[in-house]
């Protein structure tokens, strides 16, 4: 009996050793697999993000796992996760989400070689994140109802009671909040609050830019504040949501000519700094920016010497106002939009 128990004990010990060895091997393999790639929190359009990922992996062999979400969702999540975040890279549609994470001190400095690929206006002064693409604010209008001489000269004109019930916007979205953040920087708090109050009284709220453009196309409203690429994307497809719609560019450094900068940042907590830096360098470089020119996102390229899609109004012709993207204040804007009763 004693012999049997000893044998059983030896067998159990051997089994435990084998199990531990297997667990260690599995853990090592998991770490090895994880070290082979990076995790990207992508708040950019999924199709564009995937194009960048596929091209980068093809060129470098580095695996990329992309998780899809929205600007502020991911920004707040990264802040909550802090040093435990599984993300290596964060990509956004608009810059306020970048400044939120930057203010929390969670970004690593971007390599100089990457920043040097961008003009100064498309990168923050602190060098903690980089511009990756851009989009222009426009007034999408019903061309069957409005002629050019009847269009607002400034985005601020939409606060006039004459526009009551005639236009729309998507105040709950990060896109619109970026536009308001630029307005706040350009015109100050009093003017921004007054414009938001007029929006509440005059305009129809929609849940997204796409829905707002559809409403213009359907004749529900005569115009809407959106970003340009929604129209270009629909026109390139079936045009079913934009056949009656044309775009009005405010120009003249008007707040309505604001160009929003999409951003890319590398988490300070990333265990794959070399690979993460390589990914951002690729996106801002010649090959990554060429995807903007040749793909279907219709966003503006921002790299030095990079050409945008031929169908777009040239960036220089937009006559956009000078806005410091690193100072766009998403927290204050959300407070003001909430106070205006828009969300």
Foldseek 3Di string as FASTA:
>chain_A
DVVVVVVVVVVVVVVVVVVVVVVVVVVVVVVVVLLQAFEEEEQDPPVLVVVLQVVLCVVPVRHYHYDYDHLQVVLVVCLVCQLVDRHFKYWHQFLQSVLSNVVSVFFDAADPLLQVQFDPLQAAPVRQKGFQFKWWKWKKFQQVPDDPVRDDLAPLCCLDLVQAQAEEEAVVGPQVLLLLLQVCVVPNDVSSLSSLLSCLGGYDHDNAQLVRLLCRVVVSHGIYIDIDLSQVLCVVPPCPSPPRIDIGQSAPQGSSGAMGTMMMTGTPSDPNNVNSSSSSSSSLDDNNLVCQQPDRRQTGRGTVVRHHHPVDDDPVRSNHHRDNSSPRHSVVSVVSSVVSVND
